[in-house]
Amino acid sequence: MKDILDTVILVMFVIMVAMFIINFNRQQIKKHTDKIEKNEKSTQDKEAIDE
């Protein structure tokens, strides 16, 4: 019985760690995507001003 409980707790821990990593990566990707879009927009604005 203890082995089954230990296995269930270990599986739950692994799932929680995996979800944390996935969400952290998603958050970092969104942050960098927003930064790239902001840089592209500022570049387009500068080009429009230069013309």
Protein backbone atom coordinates (compact mmCIF):
# COMPACT_ATOMS: atom_id res chain seq x y z
CA MET A 1 0.00 0.00 0.00
CA LYS A 2 2.83 2.40 0.86
CA ASP A 3 4.51 1.64 -2.47
CA ILE A 4 1.34 2.57 -4.35
CA LEU A 5 0.98 5.80 -2.37
CA ASP A 6 4.64 6.70 -2.96
CA THR A 7 4.21 6.05 -6.68
CA VAL A 8 1.08 8.22 -6.88
CA ILE A 9 2.79 11.08 -5.03
CA LEU A 10 5.86 10.81 -7.26
CA VAL A 11 3.71 10.87 -10.42
CA MET A 12 1.80 13.91 -9.14
CA PHE A 13 5.09 15.68 -8.36
CA VAL A 14 6.47 14.95 -11.83
CA ILE A 15 3.26 16.26 -13.43
CA MET A 16 3.40 19.44 -11.33
CA VAL A 17 7.04 20.05 -12.29
CA ALA A 18 6.23 19.43 -15.97
CA MET A 19 3.31 21.87 -15.86
CA PHE A 20 5.51 24.50 -14.19
CA ILE A 21 8.19 24.13 -16.87
CA ILE A 22 5.64 24.25 -19.70
CA ASN A 23 3.94 27.37 -18.33
CA PHE A 24 7.27 29.07 -17.62
CA ASN A 25 8.43 28.40 -21.18
CA ARG A 26 5.11 29.67 -22.56
CA GLN A 27 5.48 32.85 -20.49
CA GLN A 28 9.06 33.42 -21.69
CA ILE A 29 8.07 32.82 -25.32
CA LYS A 30 5.24 35.36 -24.99
CA LYS A 31 7.59 37.90 -23.39
CA HIS A 32 10.14 37.58 -26.19
CA THR A 33 7.43 37.61 -28.90
CA ASP A 34 6.00 40.83 -27.46
CA LYS A 35 9.50 42.33 -27.35
CA ILE A 36 10.13 41.41 -31.01
CA GLU A 37 6.78 42.89 -32.05
CA LYS A 38 7.56 46.09 -30.15
CA ASN A 39 10.98 46.34 -31.84
CA GLU A 40 9.43 45.76 -35.28
CA LYS A 41 6.76 48.38 -34.62
CA SER A 42 9.32 50.96 -33.49
CA THR A 43 11.44 50.18 -36.56
CA GLN A 44 8.43 50.67 -38.84
CA ASP A 45 7.62 53.95 -37.08
CA LYS A 46 11.18 55.17 -37.57
CA GLU A 47 11.07 54.24 -41.26
CA ALA A 48 7.78 56.11 -41.67
CA ILE A 49 9.31 59.20 -40.04
CA ASP A 50 12.44 59.00 -42.24
CA GLU A 51 10.40 58.92 -45.46
